[in-house]
Amino acid sequence: MSQSLKGHDRDEIAARMTAYLDEQISGHMLNAYASEARSEHIINIVRFIALIEATGDRRLLEFIASQFGWTVIEQRYLPAIELAERLEKRAEMDREIEANRRQLKRGGVL
C-alpha cells in the first residue's frame, strides 16, 4: 500500500475514497493502513477497492492476484489471451492425433 500511496497526497486520496464510499476516510487512516509497524490496522476489502479507485494503481490488484498465481490485465487484451489458449489446446490435440495415428500404423490398422 505504501508504494501505491507514494507520490500522492494522502489527504487527497482519502478525500477520493470518502467520495467513493460515502464514508469518512482520513489521511491518518491511510497512514495506519500503510504502516508495517501498525499491523493491527488492516484495510477491509471495500476500502481496498476504494483505494484502487482513488489511486488507479493496478499493483494493488496484482498483489491479490499473485497470491493465486494470477495476474491482472486490461480487458482489451483478453481476446488475445483466449486465442493463445485455444492455439495451445489445438497444438496439444494435434500432438495427440499424431500419436494415435502412429499407434494405429504400428498396429496395422492404417
N, C-alpha and C. Protein backbone atom coordinates (compact mmCIF):
# COMPACT_ATOMS: atom_id res chain seq x y z
N MET A 1 0.81 -1.19 0.00
CA MET A 1 0.00 0.00 0.00
C MET A 1 0.86 1.25 0.00
N SER A 2 1.92 1.23 0.77
CA SER A 2 2.74 2.43 0.86
C SER A 2 3.32 2.81 -0.50
N GLN A 3 3.66 1.82 -1.33
CA GLN A 3 4.17 2.11 -2.67
C GLN A 3 3.10 2.78 -3.53
N SER A 4 1.86 2.35 -3.38
CA SER A 4 0.77 2.94 -4.15
C SER A 4 0.48 4.37 -3.71
N LEU A 5 0.71 4.65 -2.46
CA LEU A 5 0.45 5.98 -1.94
C LEU A 5 1.61 6.94 -2.16
N LYS A 6 2.78 6.38 -2.45
CA LYS A 6 3.98 7.21 -2.63
C LYS A 6 3.75 8.18 -3.80
N GLY A 7 4.09 9.44 -3.55
CA GLY A 7 3.93 10.45 -4.60
C GLY A 7 2.53 11.04 -4.66
N HIS A 8 1.62 10.52 -3.87
CA HIS A 8 0.26 11.05 -3.81
C HIS A 8 0.06 11.80 -2.50
N ASP A 9 -0.78 12.80 -2.53
CA ASP A 9 -1.18 13.48 -1.30
C ASP A 9 -2.20 12.57 -0.62
N ARG A 10 -1.85 12.08 0.54
CA ARG A 10 -2.72 11.10 1.22
C ARG A 10 -4.07 11.68 1.59
N ASP A 11 -4.10 12.97 1.92
CA ASP A 11 -5.40 13.59 2.22
C ASP A 11 -6.28 13.64 0.97
N GLU A 12 -5.66 13.84 -0.19
CA GLU A 12 -6.41 13.85 -1.45
C GLU A 12 -6.94 12.44 -1.76
N ILE A 13 -6.10 11.44 -1.57
CA ILE A 13 -6.55 10.05 -1.78
C ILE A 13 -7.68 9.73 -0.81
N ALA A 14 -7.53 10.15 0.44
CA ALA A 14 -8.57 9.92 1.44
C ALA A 14 -9.87 10.60 1.03
N ALA A 15 -9.78 11.80 0.48
CA ALA A 15 -10.98 12.52 0.03
C ALA A 15 -11.65 11.78 -1.12
N ARG A 16 -10.86 11.25 -2.05
CA ARG A 16 -11.42 10.46 -3.16
C ARG A 16 -12.10 9.20 -2.64
N MET A 17 -11.45 8.55 -1.68
CA MET A 17 -12.05 7.34 -1.10
C MET A 17 -13.34 7.69 -0.36
N THR A 18 -13.35 8.80 0.35
CA THR A 18 -14.54 9.26 1.06
C THR A 18 -15.69 9.46 0.08
N ALA A 19 -15.39 10.12 -1.04
CA ALA A 19 -16.43 10.36 -2.05
C ALA A 19 -16.92 9.05 -2.65
N TYR A 20 -16.02 8.12 -2.90
CA TYR A 20 -16.38 6.83 -3.50
C TYR A 20 -17.25 6.02 -2.54
N LEU A 21 -16.88 6.02 -1.27
CA LEU A 21 -17.56 5.18 -0.28
C LEU A 21 -18.74 5.86 0.40
N ASP A 22 -18.76 7.19 0.31
CA ASP A 22 -19.73 7.97 1.10
C ASP A 22 -19.56 7.64 2.58
N GLU A 23 -18.31 7.56 2.98
CA GLU A 23 -17.91 7.25 4.36
C GLU A 23 -16.58 7.96 4.61
N GLN A 24 -16.42 8.52 5.77
CA GLN A 24 -15.23 9.33 6.06
C GLN A 24 -13.97 8.48 6.15
N ILE A 25 -13.00 8.82 5.32
CA ILE A 25 -11.67 8.22 5.35
C ILE A 25 -10.70 9.38 5.54
N SER A 26 -9.75 9.23 6.42
CA SER A 26 -8.79 10.30 6.67
C SER A 26 -7.39 9.89 6.22
N GLY A 27 -6.56 10.89 6.05
CA GLY A 27 -5.15 10.64 5.74
C GLY A 27 -4.48 9.83 6.84
N HIS A 28 -4.90 10.06 8.08
CA HIS A 28 -4.34 9.30 9.21
C HIS A 28 -4.69 7.81 9.10
N MET A 29 -5.91 7.53 8.63
CA MET A 29 -6.30 6.13 8.43
C MET A 29 -5.41 5.48 7.37
N LEU A 30 -5.17 6.20 6.29
CA LEU A 30 -4.30 5.66 5.24
C LEU A 30 -2.90 5.41 5.76
N ASN A 31 -2.41 6.34 6.57
CA ASN A 31 -1.08 6.15 7.16
C ASN A 31 -1.04 4.89 8.02
N ALA A 32 -2.10 4.65 8.78
CA ALA A 32 -2.16 3.46 9.63
C ALA A 32 -2.21 2.19 8.78
N TYR A 33 -3.01 2.21 7.71
CA TYR A 33 -3.09 1.04 6.83
C TYR A 33 -1.75 0.76 6.16
N ALA A 34 -1.04 1.81 5.79
CA ALA A 34 0.21 1.65 5.05
C ALA A 34 1.41 1.33 5.94
N SER A 35 1.27 1.55 7.23
CA SER A 35 2.39 1.35 8.15
C SER A 35 2.60 -0.13 8.46
N GLU A 36 3.80 -0.61 8.23
CA GLU A 36 4.12 -2.00 8.57
C GLU A 36 4.21 -2.18 10.08
N ALA A 37 4.47 -1.10 10.79
CA ALA A 37 4.58 -1.17 12.24
C ALA A 37 3.22 -1.27 12.93
N ARG A 38 2.17 -0.95 12.20
CA ARG A 38 0.83 -0.96 12.80
C ARG A 38 0.02 -2.10 12.19
N SER A 39 0.43 -3.31 12.49
CA SER A 39 -0.18 -4.50 11.89
C SER A 39 -1.63 -4.72 12.31
N GLU A 40 -2.07 -4.04 13.36
CA GLU A 40 -3.47 -4.21 13.80
C GLU A 40 -4.43 -3.43 12.90
N HIS A 41 -3.91 -2.54 12.08
CA HIS A 41 -4.76 -1.76 11.17
C HIS A 41 -4.77 -2.43 9.80
N ILE A 42 -5.79 -3.21 9.55
CA ILE A 42 -5.91 -3.94 8.29
C ILE A 42 -7.10 -3.36 7.52
N ILE A 43 -6.84 -2.98 6.30
CA ILE A 43 -7.89 -2.39 5.47
C ILE A 43 -8.87 -3.46 5.04
N ASN A 44 -10.16 -3.14 5.08
CA ASN A 44 -11.16 -4.11 4.62
C ASN A 44 -11.28 -4.03 3.10
N ILE A 45 -11.93 -5.01 2.53
CA ILE A 45 -11.96 -5.13 1.07
C ILE A 45 -12.69 -3.96 0.41
N VAL A 46 -13.72 -3.45 1.02
CA VAL A 46 -14.46 -2.33 0.43
C VAL A 46 -13.57 -1.09 0.38
N ARG A 47 -12.85 -0.84 1.43
CA ARG A 47 -11.93 0.31 1.44
C ARG A 47 -10.75 0.06 0.51
N PHE A 48 -10.32 -1.18 0.39
CA PHE A 48 -9.24 -1.52 -0.53
C PHE A 48 -9.67 -1.21 -1.97
N ILE A 49 -10.91 -1.55 -2.31
CA ILE A 49 -11.43 -1.24 -3.64
C ILE A 49 -11.47 0.27 -3.85
N ALA A 50 -11.89 1.01 -2.82
CA ALA A 50 -11.90 2.46 -2.92
C ALA A 50 -10.48 3.01 -3.11
N LEU A 51 -9.50 2.39 -2.47
CA LEU A 51 -8.11 2.81 -2.63
C LEU A 51 -7.65 2.57 -4.07
N ILE A 52 -8.02 1.45 -4.63
CA ILE A 52 -7.68 1.16 -6.03
C ILE A 52 -8.32 2.21 -6.94
N GLU A 53 -9.58 2.50 -6.68
CA GLU A 53 -10.29 3.52 -7.46
C GLU A 53 -9.60 4.88 -7.33
N ALA A 54 -9.20 5.24 -6.13
CA ALA A 54 -8.61 6.55 -5.87
C ALA A 54 -7.21 6.70 -6.45
N THR A 55 -6.43 5.62 -6.43
CA THR A 55 -5.04 5.70 -6.90
C THR A 55 -4.89 5.25 -8.35
N GLY A 56 -5.78 4.38 -8.80
CA GLY A 56 -5.65 3.82 -10.14
C GLY A 56 -4.44 2.90 -10.26
N ASP A 57 -3.95 2.41 -9.14
CA ASP A 57 -2.74 1.60 -9.13
C ASP A 57 -3.06 0.12 -9.25
N ARG A 58 -2.79 -0.44 -10.41
CA ARG A 58 -3.08 -1.84 -10.68
C ARG A 58 -2.25 -2.77 -9.81
N ARG A 59 -1.13 -2.30 -9.28
CA ARG A 59 -0.29 -3.15 -8.43
C ARG A 59 -1.05 -3.65 -7.21
N LEU A 60 -2.03 -2.88 -6.76
CA LEU A 60 -2.83 -3.32 -5.62
C LEU A 60 -3.62 -4.58 -5.99
N LEU A 61 -4.19 -4.61 -7.18
CA LEU A 61 -4.89 -5.82 -7.65
C LEU A 61 -3.90 -6.95 -7.90
N GLU A 62 -2.74 -6.59 -8.44
CA GLU A 62 -1.71 -7.60 -8.69
C GLU A 62 -1.29 -8.30 -7.40
N PHE A 63 -1.23 -7.54 -6.33
CA PHE A 63 -0.85 -8.12 -5.04
C PHE A 63 -1.80 -9.26 -4.66
N ILE A 64 -3.08 -9.04 -4.83
CA ILE A 64 -4.07 -10.08 -4.51
C ILE A 64 -3.97 -11.23 -5.52
N ALA A 65 -3.98 -10.89 -6.80
CA ALA A 65 -3.98 -11.92 -7.84
C ALA A 65 -2.75 -12.81 -7.75
N SER A 66 -1.61 -12.23 -7.43
CA SER A 66 -0.37 -13.01 -7.39
C SER A 66 -0.40 -14.08 -6.30
N GLN A 67 -1.23 -13.91 -5.30
CA GLN A 67 -1.36 -14.91 -4.24
C GLN A 67 -1.93 -16.22 -4.79
N PHE A 68 -2.59 -16.13 -5.95
CA PHE A 68 -3.22 -17.30 -6.58
C PHE A 68 -2.52 -17.72 -7.87
N GLY A 69 -1.38 -17.08 -8.16
CA GLY A 69 -0.67 -17.39 -9.39
C GLY A 69 -1.32 -16.73 -10.60
N TRP A 70 -2.11 -15.72 -10.37
CA TRP A 70 -2.81 -15.00 -11.45
C TRP A 70 -2.13 -13.67 -11.69
N THR A 71 -2.61 -12.98 -12.72
CA THR A 71 -2.16 -11.62 -13.00
C THR A 71 -3.37 -10.79 -13.40
N VAL A 72 -3.20 -9.51 -13.45
CA VAL A 72 -4.27 -8.59 -13.81
C VAL A 72 -3.89 -7.95 -15.14
N ILE A 73 -4.82 -7.99 -16.08
CA ILE A 73 -4.58 -7.40 -17.39
C ILE A 73 -5.73 -6.46 -17.73
N GLU A 74 -5.48 -5.59 -18.70
CA GLU A 74 -6.57 -4.79 -19.21
C GLU A 74 -7.49 -5.70 -20.02
N GLN A 75 -8.77 -5.45 -19.91
CA GLN A 75 -9.77 -6.31 -20.55
C GLN A 75 -9.57 -6.40 -22.06
N ARG A 76 -9.03 -5.36 -22.66
CA ARG A 76 -8.85 -5.36 -24.12
C ARG A 76 -7.87 -6.44 -24.58
N TYR A 77 -7.02 -6.96 -23.67
CA TYR A 77 -6.07 -8.00 -24.04
C TYR A 77 -6.64 -9.41 -23.89
N LEU A 78 -7.80 -9.53 -23.31
CA LEU A 78 -8.39 -10.85 -23.05
C LEU A 78 -8.59 -11.68 -24.33
N PRO A 79 -9.10 -11.12 -25.42
CA PRO A 79 -9.25 -11.93 -26.64
C PRO A 79 -7.92 -12.52 -27.13
N ALA A 80 -6.84 -11.79 -27.01
CA ALA A 80 -5.53 -12.31 -27.43
C ALA A 80 -5.11 -13.48 -26.55
N ILE A 81 -5.39 -13.38 -25.28
CA ILE A 81 -5.04 -14.47 -24.36
C ILE A 81 -5.91 -15.69 -24.64
N GLU A 82 -7.19 -15.47 -24.88
CA GLU A 82 -8.07 -16.59 -25.20
C GLU A 82 -7.64 -17.27 -26.49
N LEU A 83 -7.23 -16.49 -27.48
CA LEU A 83 -6.73 -17.06 -28.73
C LEU A 83 -5.49 -17.91 -28.47
N ALA A 84 -4.57 -17.41 -27.68
CA ALA A 84 -3.35 -18.15 -27.36
C ALA A 84 -3.70 -19.46 -26.66
N GLU A 85 -4.66 -19.44 -25.75
CA GLU A 85 -5.09 -20.67 -25.06
C GLU A 85 -5.65 -21.67 -26.06
N ARG A 86 -6.48 -21.20 -26.98
CA ARG A 86 -7.08 -22.10 -27.98
C ARG A 86 -6.01 -22.69 -28.90
N LEU A 87 -5.03 -21.87 -29.28
CA LEU A 87 -3.95 -22.38 -30.12
C LEU A 87 -3.13 -23.43 -29.39
N GLU A 88 -2.90 -23.23 -28.10
CA GLU A 88 -2.19 -24.23 -27.30
C GLU A 88 -2.98 -25.53 -27.24
N LYS A 89 -4.30 -25.43 -27.02
CA LYS A 89 -5.15 -26.63 -26.98
C LYS A 89 -5.13 -27.35 -28.32
N ARG A 90 -5.19 -26.57 -29.41
CA ARG A 90 -5.18 -27.18 -30.74
C ARG A 90 -3.86 -27.89 -30.99
N ALA A 91 -2.75 -27.28 -30.59
CA ALA A 91 -1.44 -27.92 -30.76
C ALA A 91 -1.37 -29.21 -29.95
N GLU A 92 -1.92 -29.20 -28.75
CA GLU A 92 -1.95 -30.41 -27.92
C GLU A 92 -2.80 -31.50 -28.59
N MET A 93 -3.95 -31.11 -29.13
CA MET A 93 -4.79 -32.08 -29.81
C MET A 93 -4.10 -32.64 -31.05
N ASP A 94 -3.40 -31.77 -31.78
CA ASP A 94 -2.66 -32.23 -32.97
C ASP A 94 -1.60 -33.26 -32.58
N ARG A 95 -0.90 -33.03 -31.46
CA ARG A 95 0.10 -33.99 -31.00
C ARG A 95 -0.56 -35.32 -30.62
N GLU A 96 -1.70 -35.26 -29.96
CA GLU A 96 -2.41 -36.48 -29.57
C GLU A 96 -2.91 -37.24 -30.80
N ILE A 97 -3.43 -36.52 -31.78
CA ILE A 97 -3.90 -37.15 -33.01
C ILE A 97 -2.75 -37.83 -33.73
N GLU A 98 -1.61 -37.16 -33.82
CA GLU A 98 -0.45 -37.74 -34.48
C GLU A 98 0.04 -38.98 -33.74
N ALA A 99 0.03 -38.94 -32.42
CA ALA A 99 0.43 -40.12 -31.63
C ALA A 99 -0.53 -41.27 -31.88
N ASN A 100 -1.81 -40.99 -31.96
CA ASN A 100 -2.80 -42.03 -32.24
C ASN A 100 -2.59 -42.62 -33.63
N ARG A 101 -2.29 -41.78 -34.61
CA ARG A 101 -2.04 -42.27 -35.98
C ARG A 101 -0.84 -43.21 -36.01
N ARG A 102 0.24 -42.81 -35.33
CA ARG A 102 1.44 -43.65 -35.30
C ARG A 102 1.12 -45.00 -34.66
N GLN A 103 0.34 -44.96 -33.59
CA GLN A 103 -0.03 -46.19 -32.89
C GLN A 103 -0.88 -47.09 -33.82
N LEU A 104 -1.81 -46.50 -34.54
CA LEU A 104 -2.65 -47.27 -35.47
C LEU A 104 -1.81 -47.86 -36.60
N LYS A 105 -0.84 -47.11 -37.10
CA LYS A 105 0.03 -47.61 -38.17
C LYS A 105 0.85 -48.79 -37.67
N ARG A 106 1.39 -48.66 -36.46
CA ARG A 106 2.16 -49.77 -35.87
C ARG A 106 1.30 -51.02 -35.69
N GLY A 107 0.03 -50.81 -35.41
CA GLY A 107 -0.88 -51.95 -35.20
C GLY A 107 -1.46 -52.48 -36.51
N GLY A 108 -1.08 -51.86 -37.62
CA GLY A 108 -1.54 -52.32 -38.92
C GLY A 108 -2.97 -51.91 -39.24
N VAL A 109 -3.52 -51.02 -38.52
CA VAL A 109 -4.89 -50.58 -38.78
C VAL A 109 -4.92 -49.57 -39.92
N LEU A 110 -3.92 -48.75 -40.02
CA LEU A 110 -3.86 -47.77 -41.13
C LEU A 110 -2.84 -48.18 -42.16
